[in-house]
C-alpha cells in the first residue's frame, strides 16, 4: 500500500480547510460550540485511539452538515468566502464538517482550535506549515521522499474487512497544505478500507 495513495485521501479534508479561512466567524447563525464530551470524542478519533466503527458512526451522523448548512453536535459546515450561498463549491471534495474549539487544545504536542472531518479522516489543523515536517519525525511516519511536500503516514492497524474482501486501515497522517494566503499543516487519523 503506497503512502502517497493513503495520504492523498487525507487531503480531501485539507483542501476544504485551505479554502475556508474565516468565513464561519462572520456568520454566527452557522456556528456551534462543542461540548467537552464532543471535543474528547473527536480528539480520540484524531489520535487514532478509537475504532473504525466509532469513526463511521460519527461520519454517518454528520453526513448532512455540509449540505444542509446547519451545525450539529458541535460540528458545523465549512463556508467559503465569495460563494453566494456561503457553501463550499462541490461539497468540498469529501469534507463533511469542521469543529471550531472554544479554546486551544494540544494535539500531537501542538495547539489547535480546528478539527476537520471528511468521509475517511479526521484531522487537526495547524497554522504553522512546519508542523507536518516535525510530526513526520516525532510520530515516526513514513515520509514521501525528499522532493515531496513534508508529511507522511504510519499504519496503526489493518485487518481484513468483516464483511467483504477489503482491508480496513487506520493510519496516522500528517501533511503540509499549500493554501491561500499561507500554507498550513494538518495531522490526524485516516479510517479507510482498501
C-alpha atoms as a PDB file:
ATOM      1  CA  UNK A   1       0.000   0.000   0.000  1.00  0.00           C
ATOM      2  CA  UNK A   2       1.562   3.251  -1.065  1.00  0.00           C
ATOM      3  CA  UNK A   3       1.898   6.040   1.446  1.00  0.00           C
ATOM      4  CA  UNK A   4       1.089   8.626  -1.192  1.00  0.00           C
ATOM      5  CA  UNK A   5      -2.237   6.962  -2.049  1.00  0.00           C
ATOM      6  CA  UNK A   6      -3.456   6.939   1.543  1.00  0.00           C
ATOM      7  CA  UNK A   7      -2.187  10.382   2.471  1.00  0.00           C
ATOM      8  CA  UNK A   8      -3.773  11.904  -0.592  1.00  0.00           C
ATOM      9  CA  UNK A   9      -7.096  10.737   0.836  1.00  0.00           C
ATOM     10  CA  UNK A  10      -6.398  12.866   3.875  1.00  0.00           C
ATOM     11  CA  UNK A  11      -6.014  15.815   1.524  1.00  0.00           C
ATOM     12  CA  UNK A  12      -9.780  15.733   0.979  1.00  0.00           C
ATOM     13  CA  UNK A  13     -10.153  17.252   4.405  1.00  0.00           C
ATOM     14  CA  UNK A  14      -7.237  19.609   3.971  1.00  0.00           C
ATOM     15  CA  UNK A  15      -8.493  21.062   0.706  1.00  0.00           C
ATOM     16  CA  UNK A  16     -11.670  22.128   2.419  1.00  0.00           C
ATOM     17  CA  UNK A  17      -9.696  23.641   5.256  1.00  0.00           C
ATOM     18  CA  UNK A  18      -7.397  25.534   2.910  1.00  0.00           C
ATOM     19  CA  UNK A  19     -10.356  27.092   1.138  1.00  0.00           C
ATOM     20  CA  UNK A  20     -12.164  28.206   4.288  1.00  0.00           C
ATOM     21  CA  UNK A  21     -10.105  30.767   6.194  1.00  0.00           C
ATOM     22  CA  UNK A  22     -12.540  32.603   8.449  1.00  0.00           C
ATOM     23  CA  UNK A  23     -15.941  32.702   6.817  1.00  0.00           C
ATOM     24  CA  UNK A  24     -17.692  30.989   9.707  1.00  0.00           C
ATOM     25  CA  UNK A  25     -16.676  33.666  12.161  1.00  0.00           C
ATOM     26  CA  UNK A  26     -18.610  36.204  10.114  1.00  0.00           C
ATOM     27  CA  UNK A  27     -21.840  34.168  10.220  1.00  0.00           C
ATOM     28  CA  UNK A  28     -22.797  33.366  13.832  1.00  0.00           C
ATOM     29  CA  UNK A  29     -26.045  31.671  12.739  1.00  0.00           C
ATOM     30  CA  UNK A  30     -23.950  28.773  11.445  1.00  0.00           C
ATOM     31  CA  UNK A  31     -21.774  28.220  14.479  1.00  0.00           C
ATOM     32  CA  UNK A  32     -21.996  25.553  17.130  1.00  0.00           C
ATOM     33  CA  UNK A  33     -19.974  25.408  20.337  1.00  0.00           C
ATOM     34  CA  UNK A  34     -18.989  21.795  21.025  1.00  0.00           C
ATOM     35  CA  UNK A  35     -19.341  20.258  24.479  1.00  0.00           C
ATOM     36  CA  UNK A  36     -16.362  18.826  26.361  1.00  0.00           C
ATOM     37  CA  UNK A  37     -17.677  15.311  25.586  1.00  0.00           C
ATOM     38  CA  UNK A  38     -17.902  16.064  21.841  1.00  0.00           C
ATOM     39  CA  UNK A  39     -14.377  17.502  21.864  1.00  0.00           C
ATOM     40  CA  UNK A  40     -12.989  14.474  23.717  1.00  0.00           C
ATOM     41  CA  UNK A  41     -14.684  12.080  21.286  1.00  0.00           C
ATOM     42  CA  UNK A  42     -13.245  13.968  18.302  1.00  0.00           C
ATOM     43  CA  UNK A  43      -9.736  14.132  19.797  1.00  0.00           C
ATOM     44  CA  UNK A  44      -9.781  10.382  20.449  1.00  0.00           C
ATOM     45  CA  UNK A  45     -10.561   9.859  16.756  1.00  0.00           C
ATOM     46  CA  UNK A  46      -7.842  12.330  15.662  1.00  0.00           C
ATOM     47  CA  UNK A  47      -5.283  10.390  17.748  1.00  0.00           C
ATOM     48  CA  UNK A  48      -6.324   7.035  16.154  1.00  0.00           C
ATOM     49  CA  UNK A  49      -7.428   5.844  19.605  1.00  0.00           C
ATOM     50  CA  UNK A  50     -10.930   4.883  18.502  1.00  0.00           C
ATOM     51  CA  UNK A  51     -12.003   2.070  16.227  1.00  0.00           C
ATOM     52  CA  UNK A  52     -13.313   2.346  12.699  1.00  0.00           C
ATOM     53  CA  UNK A  53     -16.875   1.784  13.911  1.00  0.00           C
ATOM     54  CA  UNK A  54     -16.689   4.907  16.115  1.00  0.00           C
ATOM     55  CA  UNK A  55     -15.413   6.918  13.135  1.00  0.00           C
ATOM     56  CA  UNK A  56     -18.122   5.584  10.802  1.00  0.00           C
ATOM     57  CA  UNK A  57     -20.785   6.372  13.407  1.00  0.00           C
ATOM     58  CA  UNK A  58     -19.618   9.999  13.656  1.00  0.00           C
ATOM     59  CA  UNK A  59     -19.175  10.453   9.900  1.00  0.00           C
ATOM     60  CA  UNK A  60     -22.626   8.979   9.230  1.00  0.00           C
ATOM     61  CA  UNK A  61     -24.278  11.154  11.889  1.00  0.00           C
ATOM     62  CA  UNK A  62     -22.630  14.289  10.457  1.00  0.00           C
ATOM     63  CA  UNK A  63     -23.053  13.424   6.758  1.00  0.00           C
ATOM     64  CA  UNK A  64     -25.642  16.133   6.112  1.00  0.00           C
ATOM     65  CA  UNK A  65     -23.963  19.047   7.944  1.00  0.00           C
ATOM     66  CA  UNK A  66     -22.134  20.371   4.872  1.00  0.00           C
ATOM     67  CA  UNK A  67     -25.126  20.027   2.567  1.00  0.00           C
ATOM     68  CA  UNK A  68     -27.728  21.445   4.962  1.00  0.00           C
ATOM     69  CA  UNK A  69     -25.535  24.270   6.205  1.00  0.00           C
ATOM     70  CA  UNK A  70     -26.762  23.638   9.752  1.00  0.00           C
ATOM     71  CA  UNK A  71     -24.489  22.859  12.730  1.00  0.00           C
ATOM     72  CA  UNK A  72     -24.930  19.577  14.563  1.00  0.00           C
ATOM     73  CA  UNK A  73     -23.418  18.202  17.789  1.00  0.00           C
ATOM     74  CA  UNK A  74     -20.526  20.682  17.816  1.00  0.00           C
ATOM     75  CA  UNK A  75     -19.765  20.267  14.097  1.00  0.00           C
ATOM     76  CA  UNK A  76     -20.579  22.922  11.526  1.00  0.00           C
ATOM     77  CA  UNK A  77     -20.339  23.393   7.766  1.00  0.00           C
ATOM     78  CA  UNK A  78     -17.209  24.842   6.250  1.00  0.00           C
ATOM     79  CA  UNK A  79     -18.182  28.006   4.393  1.00  0.00           C
ATOM     80  CA  UNK A  80     -16.044  29.737   1.815  1.00  0.00           C
ATOM     81  CA  UNK A  81     -15.876  33.423   1.098  1.00  0.00           C
ATOM     82  CA  UNK A  82     -17.153  34.514  -2.282  1.00  0.00           C
ATOM     83  CA  UNK A  83     -19.837  31.835  -2.620  1.00  0.00           C
ATOM     84  CA  UNK A  84     -23.294  33.383  -2.879  1.00  0.00           C
ATOM     85  CA  UNK A  85     -24.862  30.794  -0.590  1.00  0.00           C
ATOM     86  CA  UNK A  86     -21.858  30.560   1.733  1.00  0.00           C
ATOM     87  CA  UNK A  87     -21.489  26.871   0.907  1.00  0.00           C
ATOM     88  CA  UNK A  88     -18.261  25.448  -0.455  1.00  0.00           C
ATOM     89  CA  UNK A  89     -18.096  24.631  -4.148  1.00  0.00           C
ATOM     90  CA  UNK A  90     -18.743  20.995  -4.995  1.00  0.00           C
ATOM     91  CA  UNK A  91     -19.309  19.957  -1.381  1.00  0.00           C
ATOM     92  CA  UNK A  92     -15.564  20.471  -0.708  1.00  0.00           C
ATOM     93  CA  UNK A  93     -14.488  17.063  -2.085  1.00  0.00           C
ATOM     94  CA  UNK A  94     -15.404  14.784   0.791  1.00  0.00           C
ATOM     95  CA  UNK A  95     -15.239  17.229   3.674  1.00  0.00           C
ATOM     96  CA  UNK A  96     -18.202  16.785   5.981  1.00  0.00           C
ATOM     97  CA  UNK A  97     -17.745  19.442   8.664  1.00  0.00           C
ATOM     98  CA  UNK A  98     -15.390  21.255  10.991  1.00  0.00           C
ATOM     99  CA  UNK A  99     -15.304  21.665  14.744  1.00  0.00           C
ATOM    100  CA  UNK A 100     -14.132  25.046  15.997  1.00  0.00           C
ATOM    101  CA  UNK A 101     -12.913  24.582  19.534  1.00  0.00           C
ATOM    102  CA  UNK A 102     -13.800  27.204  22.164  1.00  0.00           C
ATOM    103  CA  UNK A 103     -10.206  27.138  23.450  1.00  0.00           C
ATOM    104  CA  UNK A 104      -6.942  25.753  22.062  1.00  0.00           C
ATOM    105  CA  UNK A 105      -6.141  22.092  22.742  1.00  0.00           C
ATOM    106  CA  UNK A 106      -2.874  20.241  22.275  1.00  0.00           C
ATOM    107  CA  UNK A 107      -2.855  17.635  19.531  1.00  0.00           C
ATOM    108  CA  UNK A 108       0.399  15.768  18.938  1.00  0.00           C
ATOM    109  CA  UNK A 109       2.140  18.390  21.092  1.00  0.00           C
ATOM    110  CA  UNK A 110       0.859  21.433  19.155  1.00  0.00           C
ATOM    111  CA  UNK A 111      -2.026  23.806  19.846  1.00  0.00           C
ATOM    112  CA  UNK A 112      -5.032  23.951  17.545  1.00  0.00           C
ATOM    113  CA  UNK A 113      -8.573  25.280  17.561  1.00  0.00           C
ATOM    114  CA  UNK A 114      -9.875  23.471  14.448  1.00  0.00           C
ATOM    115  CA  UNK A 115     -10.704  19.866  13.618  1.00  0.00           C
ATOM    116  CA  UNK A 116     -11.835  18.789  10.150  1.00  0.00           C
ATOM    117  CA  UNK A 117     -13.985  15.717   9.430  1.00  0.00           C
ATOM    118  CA  UNK A 118     -14.085  14.118   5.980  1.00  0.00           C
ATOM    119  CA  UNK A 119     -15.639  10.882   4.785  1.00  0.00           C
ATOM    120  CA  UNK A 120     -12.438   8.985   5.579  1.00  0.00           C
ATOM    121  CA  UNK A 121     -10.411  11.083   8.000  1.00  0.00           C
ATOM    122  CA  UNK A 122     -10.440  13.435  10.941  1.00  0.00           C
ATOM    123  CA  UNK A 123      -7.539  15.861  11.285  1.00  0.00           C
ATOM    124  CA  UNK A 124      -6.379  18.796  13.383  1.00  0.00           C
ATOM    125  CA  UNK A 125      -5.372  21.949  11.515  1.00  0.00           C
ATOM    126  CA  UNK A 126      -2.256  23.926  12.464  1.00  0.00           C
ATOM    127  CA  UNK A 127      -1.385  27.427  11.234  1.00  0.00           C
ATOM    128  CA  UNK A 128       2.334  26.549  11.284  1.00  0.00           C
ATOM    129  CA  UNK A 129       3.241  24.849   7.980  1.00  0.00           C
ATOM    130  CA  UNK A 130       6.345  23.263   9.547  1.00  0.00           C
ATOM    131  CA  UNK A 131       4.310  21.139  11.976  1.00  0.00           C
ATOM    132  CA  UNK A 132       3.843  18.478   9.266  1.00  0.00           C
ATOM    133  CA  UNK A 133       7.608  18.048   8.867  1.00  0.00           C
ATOM    134  CA  UNK A 134       8.121  17.835  12.638  1.00  0.00           C
ATOM    135  CA  UNK A 135       5.270  15.358  13.161  1.00  0.00           C
ATOM    136  CA  UNK A 136       6.538  13.124  10.380  1.00  0.00           C
ATOM    137  CA  UNK A 137       9.575  12.538  12.595  1.00  0.00           C
ATOM    138  CA  UNK A 138       8.045  12.547  16.071  1.00  0.00           C
ATOM    139  CA  UNK A 139       5.135  10.272  15.108  1.00  0.00           C
ATOM    140  CA  UNK A 140       7.518   8.026  13.136  1.00  0.00           C
ATOM    141  CA  UNK A 141       5.543   8.436   9.929  1.00  0.00           C
ATOM    142  CA  UNK A 142       6.828   7.086   6.648  1.00  0.00           C
ATOM    143  CA  UNK A 143       7.799  10.171   4.655  1.00  0.00           C
ATOM    144  CA  UNK A 144       7.099  10.602   0.962  1.00  0.00           C
ATOM    145  CA  UNK A 145      10.588  11.470  -0.171  1.00  0.00           C
ATOM    146  CA  UNK A 146      12.834  14.496  -0.472  1.00  0.00           C
ATOM    147  CA  UNK A 147      11.001  16.038  -3.442  1.00  0.00           C
ATOM    148  CA  UNK A 148       7.503  15.720  -1.930  1.00  0.00           C
ATOM    149  CA  UNK A 149       5.870  18.171   0.471  1.00  0.00           C
ATOM    150  CA  UNK A 150       6.503  17.412   4.160  1.00  0.00           C
ATOM    151  CA  UNK A 151       4.236  14.745   5.596  1.00  0.00           C
ATOM    152  CA  UNK A 152       3.761  11.041   5.865  1.00  0.00           C
ATOM    153  CA  UNK A 153       1.735   8.123   7.135  1.00  0.00           C
ATOM    154  CA  UNK A 154       2.035   5.198   9.527  1.00  0.00           C
ATOM    155  CA  UNK A 155      -0.479   2.365   9.593  1.00  0.00           C
ATOM    156  CA  UNK A 156      -1.639   1.885  13.180  1.00  0.00           C
ATOM    157  CA  UNK A 157      -3.949  -1.030  12.485  1.00  0.00           C
ATOM    158  CA  UNK A 158      -5.011  -3.082   9.488  1.00  0.00           C
ATOM    159  CA  UNK A 159      -7.318  -6.076   9.390  1.00  0.00           C
ATOM    160  CA  UNK A 160      -9.470  -7.942   6.883  1.00  0.00           C
ATOM    161  CA  UNK A 161     -12.873  -6.392   6.421  1.00  0.00           C
ATOM    162  CA  UNK A 162     -15.555  -8.143   8.490  1.00  0.00           C
ATOM    163  CA  UNK A 163     -17.986  -8.327   5.558  1.00  0.00           C
ATOM    164  CA  UNK A 164     -16.152  -8.163   2.239  1.00  0.00           C
ATOM    165  CA  UNK A 165     -12.705  -8.722   0.828  1.00  0.00           C
ATOM    166  CA  UNK A 166     -11.078  -5.377   1.615  1.00  0.00           C
ATOM    167  CA  UNK A 167      -8.573  -4.404   4.283  1.00  0.00           C
ATOM    168  CA  UNK A 168      -9.673  -1.938   6.963  1.00  0.00           C
ATOM    169  CA  UNK A 169      -6.875   0.542   7.660  1.00  0.00           C
ATOM    170  CA  UNK A 170      -6.385   3.036  10.480  1.00  0.00           C
ATOM    171  CA  UNK A 171      -3.357   5.278   9.910  1.00  0.00           C
ATOM    172  CA  UNK A 172      -1.754   8.357  11.449  1.00  0.00           C
ATOM    173  CA  UNK A 173      -1.148  11.007   8.798  1.00  0.00           C
ATOM    174  CA  UNK A 174       0.422  14.460   8.564  1.00  0.00           C
ATOM    175  CA  UNK A 175       0.640  16.809   5.608  1.00  0.00           C
ATOM    176  CA  UNK A 176       1.606  20.348   4.658  1.00  0.00           C
ATOM    177  CA  UNK A 177      -1.073  22.051   2.584  1.00  0.00           C
ATOM    178  CA  UNK A 178      -0.239  24.921   0.266  1.00  0.00           C
ATOM    179  CA  UNK A 179      -3.190  27.241   0.788  1.00  0.00           C
ATOM    180  CA  UNK A 180      -4.011  30.864   0.256  1.00  0.00           C
ATOM    181  CA  UNK A 181      -2.958  33.129   1.923  1.00  0.00           C
ATOM    182  CA  UNK A 182      -0.375  30.892   3.624  1.00  0.00           C
ATOM    183  CA  UNK A 183       0.445  27.184   3.963  1.00  0.00           C
ATOM    184  CA  UNK A 184      -0.850  25.136   6.896  1.00  0.00           C
ATOM    185  CA  UNK A 185      -0.285  21.680   8.371  1.00  0.00           C
ATOM    186  CA  UNK A 186      -2.867  19.008   9.108  1.00  0.00           C
ATOM    187  CA  UNK A 187      -2.423  15.817  11.116  1.00  0.00           C
ATOM    188  CA  UNK A 188      -4.779  13.164  12.327  1.00  0.00           C
ATOM    189  CA  UNK A 189      -6.204   9.781  11.543  1.00  0.00           C
ATOM    190  CA  UNK A 190      -7.311   8.103   8.344  1.00  0.00           C
ATOM    191  CA  UNK A 191     -10.046   5.454   8.613  1.00  0.00           C
ATOM    192  CA  UNK A 192     -10.452   3.661   5.285  1.00  0.00           C
ATOM    193  CA  UNK A 193     -10.902   0.345   3.509  1.00  0.00           C
ATOM    194  CA  UNK A 194      -8.570  -0.744   0.714  1.00  0.00           C
END
